[in-house]
N, C-alpha and C. Protein backbone atom coordinates (compact mmCIF):
# COMPACT_ATOMS: atom_id res chain seq x y z
N MET A 1 -56.98 14.37 24.34
CA MET A 1 -55.68 14.99 24.45
C MET A 1 -55.78 16.29 25.25
N ALA A 2 -54.86 16.46 26.16
CA ALA A 2 -54.85 17.69 26.93
C ALA A 2 -54.19 18.79 26.09
N ARG A 3 -54.78 19.95 26.18
CA ARG A 3 -54.23 21.08 25.42
C ARG A 3 -53.22 21.80 26.30
N ARG A 4 -52.16 22.25 25.67
CA ARG A 4 -51.14 23.04 26.38
C ARG A 4 -51.67 24.43 26.62
N LYS A 5 -51.31 24.96 27.78
CA LYS A 5 -51.69 26.34 28.08
C LYS A 5 -50.87 27.28 27.20
N GLN A 6 -51.53 28.23 26.62
CA GLN A 6 -50.86 29.22 25.78
C GLN A 6 -50.02 30.11 26.69
N LEU A 7 -48.72 30.19 26.41
CA LEU A 7 -47.82 31.02 27.21
C LEU A 7 -47.95 32.48 26.79
N SER A 8 -47.85 33.34 27.79
CA SER A 8 -47.87 34.77 27.48
C SER A 8 -46.52 35.16 26.87
N ILE A 9 -46.46 36.31 26.29
CA ILE A 9 -45.21 36.79 25.69
C ILE A 9 -44.13 36.89 26.75
N THR A 10 -44.48 37.37 27.93
CA THR A 10 -43.51 37.48 29.03
C THR A 10 -42.97 36.11 29.41
N GLU A 11 -43.85 35.12 29.48
CA GLU A 11 -43.42 33.76 29.81
C GLU A 11 -42.52 33.18 28.70
N ARG A 12 -42.89 33.46 27.46
CA ARG A 12 -42.07 32.98 26.34
C ARG A 12 -40.69 33.64 26.34
N ILE A 13 -40.64 34.93 26.67
CA ILE A 13 -39.35 35.64 26.76
C ILE A 13 -38.50 34.99 27.85
N ALA A 14 -39.10 34.72 29.00
CA ALA A 14 -38.37 34.08 30.11
C ALA A 14 -37.87 32.71 29.70
N GLN A 15 -38.70 31.99 28.96
CA GLN A 15 -38.31 30.66 28.50
C GLN A 15 -37.11 30.75 27.54
N VAL A 16 -37.15 31.67 26.62
CA VAL A 16 -36.05 31.85 25.67
C VAL A 16 -34.78 32.30 26.39
N GLU A 17 -34.93 33.19 27.35
CA GLU A 17 -33.75 33.64 28.11
C GLU A 17 -33.12 32.48 28.88
N ALA A 18 -33.95 31.61 29.43
CA ALA A 18 -33.43 30.43 30.13
C ALA A 18 -32.68 29.51 29.16
N GLN A 19 -33.21 29.36 27.96
CA GLN A 19 -32.54 28.54 26.94
C GLN A 19 -31.21 29.17 26.55
N ILE A 20 -31.18 30.49 26.44
CA ILE A 20 -29.94 31.20 26.09
C ILE A 20 -28.88 30.95 27.17
N ILE A 21 -29.29 31.06 28.43
CA ILE A 21 -28.35 30.82 29.53
C ILE A 21 -27.81 29.40 29.47
N GLN A 22 -28.70 28.44 29.22
CA GLN A 22 -28.28 27.04 29.13
C GLN A 22 -27.28 26.84 27.99
N LYS A 23 -27.56 27.42 26.84
CA LYS A 23 -26.67 27.27 25.69
C LYS A 23 -25.32 27.95 25.95
N GLU A 24 -25.34 29.10 26.63
CA GLU A 24 -24.09 29.78 26.96
C GLU A 24 -23.24 28.92 27.89
N GLU A 25 -23.89 28.24 28.84
CA GLU A 25 -23.16 27.35 29.74
C GLU A 25 -22.57 26.16 28.98
N GLU A 26 -23.37 25.62 28.04
CA GLU A 26 -22.88 24.53 27.20
C GLU A 26 -21.68 24.99 26.38
N LEU A 27 -21.77 26.19 25.81
CA LEU A 27 -20.68 26.74 25.01
C LEU A 27 -19.43 26.92 25.86
N LYS A 28 -19.60 27.43 27.06
CA LYS A 28 -18.47 27.63 27.97
C LYS A 28 -17.79 26.30 28.28
N ALA A 29 -18.59 25.26 28.53
CA ALA A 29 -18.04 23.93 28.81
C ALA A 29 -17.29 23.38 27.59
N LEU A 30 -17.85 23.58 26.41
CA LEU A 30 -17.20 23.10 25.19
C LEU A 30 -15.89 23.83 24.93
N LYS A 31 -15.86 25.12 25.19
CA LYS A 31 -14.62 25.89 25.01
C LYS A 31 -13.55 25.43 25.99
N ALA A 32 -13.96 25.12 27.23
CA ALA A 32 -13.00 24.62 28.21
C ALA A 32 -12.46 23.26 27.78
N GLU A 33 -13.33 22.42 27.26
CA GLU A 33 -12.90 21.10 26.78
C GLU A 33 -11.94 21.25 25.60
N ARG A 34 -12.27 22.16 24.68
CA ARG A 34 -11.40 22.40 23.53
C ARG A 34 -10.03 22.88 23.99
N LYS A 35 -10.00 23.78 24.96
CA LYS A 35 -8.73 24.30 25.47
C LYS A 35 -7.88 23.16 26.05
N THR A 36 -8.51 22.30 26.83
CA THR A 36 -7.80 21.16 27.41
C THR A 36 -7.26 20.24 26.32
N LEU A 37 -8.08 19.97 25.32
CA LEU A 37 -7.64 19.09 24.22
C LEU A 37 -6.50 19.72 23.43
N LEU A 38 -6.56 21.02 23.20
CA LEU A 38 -5.48 21.69 22.48
C LEU A 38 -4.18 21.64 23.27
N GLU A 39 -4.28 21.78 24.59
CA GLU A 39 -3.08 21.68 25.43
C GLU A 39 -2.50 20.27 25.38
N GLU A 40 -3.37 19.26 25.42
CA GLU A 40 -2.91 17.87 25.32
C GLU A 40 -2.24 17.62 23.97
N LYS A 41 -2.85 18.16 22.91
CA LYS A 41 -2.29 17.99 21.55
C LYS A 41 -0.92 18.64 21.47
N LYS A 42 -0.78 19.83 22.03
CA LYS A 42 0.50 20.53 22.01
C LYS A 42 1.56 19.70 22.75
N LYS A 43 1.18 19.15 23.89
CA LYS A 43 2.12 18.34 24.66
C LYS A 43 2.54 17.10 23.87
N GLU A 44 1.57 16.44 23.24
CA GLU A 44 1.90 15.27 22.41
C GLU A 44 2.82 15.64 21.26
N ASP A 45 2.53 16.76 20.61
CA ASP A 45 3.36 17.22 19.49
C ASP A 45 4.79 17.50 19.95
N MET A 46 4.92 18.15 21.10
CA MET A 46 6.25 18.47 21.63
C MET A 46 7.02 17.19 21.96
N GLU A 47 6.33 16.22 22.54
CA GLU A 47 6.97 14.95 22.86
C GLU A 47 7.42 14.23 21.60
N GLU A 48 6.59 14.29 20.56
CA GLU A 48 6.93 13.66 19.29
C GLU A 48 8.15 14.36 18.66
N ILE A 49 8.16 15.67 18.68
CA ILE A 49 9.30 16.42 18.13
C ILE A 49 10.57 16.08 18.90
N TYR A 50 10.47 16.05 20.22
CA TYR A 50 11.64 15.73 21.03
C TYR A 50 12.15 14.32 20.72
N GLN A 51 11.22 13.37 20.54
CA GLN A 51 11.60 12.00 20.21
C GLN A 51 12.33 11.96 18.86
N ILE A 52 11.82 12.68 17.89
CA ILE A 52 12.44 12.72 16.56
C ILE A 52 13.85 13.31 16.67
N ILE A 53 13.99 14.38 17.44
CA ILE A 53 15.30 15.00 17.61
C ILE A 53 16.27 14.03 18.27
N SER A 54 15.79 13.36 19.31
CA SER A 54 16.63 12.40 20.03
C SER A 54 17.09 11.27 19.12
N GLU A 55 16.16 10.76 18.31
CA GLU A 55 16.49 9.66 17.40
C GLU A 55 17.43 10.10 16.28
N SER A 56 17.42 11.39 15.95
CA SER A 56 18.26 11.87 14.86
C SER A 56 19.73 11.96 15.29
N GLY A 57 19.97 11.99 16.59
CA GLY A 57 21.34 12.11 17.07
C GLY A 57 21.82 13.56 17.11
N LYS A 58 20.98 14.47 16.73
CA LYS A 58 21.35 15.88 16.76
C LYS A 58 20.91 16.49 18.09
N SER A 59 21.60 17.54 18.48
CA SER A 59 21.22 18.25 19.69
C SER A 59 20.09 19.23 19.36
N VAL A 60 19.42 19.71 20.38
CA VAL A 60 18.36 20.69 20.19
C VAL A 60 18.94 21.94 19.54
N GLU A 61 20.15 22.34 19.94
CA GLU A 61 20.79 23.51 19.36
C GLU A 61 21.04 23.32 17.86
N GLU A 62 21.48 22.12 17.47
CA GLU A 62 21.72 21.85 16.05
C GLU A 62 20.43 21.94 15.26
N VAL A 63 19.35 21.42 15.81
CA VAL A 63 18.06 21.47 15.12
C VAL A 63 17.57 22.92 15.02
N LYS A 64 17.74 23.69 16.08
CA LYS A 64 17.34 25.10 16.03
C LYS A 64 18.13 25.84 14.96
N GLU A 65 19.41 25.52 14.85
CA GLU A 65 20.22 26.16 13.82
C GLU A 65 19.75 25.76 12.43
N LEU A 66 19.45 24.49 12.23
CA LEU A 66 18.95 24.04 10.94
C LEU A 66 17.63 24.73 10.57
N LEU A 67 16.78 24.89 11.53
CA LEU A 67 15.47 25.48 11.26
C LEU A 67 15.52 26.99 11.05
N SER A 68 16.54 27.62 11.59
CA SER A 68 16.63 29.08 11.46
C SER A 68 17.28 29.51 10.15
N ARG A 69 17.73 28.60 9.38
CA ARG A 69 18.36 28.94 8.09
C ARG A 69 17.37 29.40 7.08
């Protein structure tokens, strides 16, 4: 079996910093994906609410009045 070369502290620090950068990029990508999904969810919710209002036969103004009571 070949033995791994022992990394110096400086090399280990560089390695950890590279991992940190990679994880930060992954986190940034995940946050962007979450933002997109939340926007899609909001749009779906709004469409569902509008459909319910339309099916109820009430106007948007009537529903706003009911909700503000």
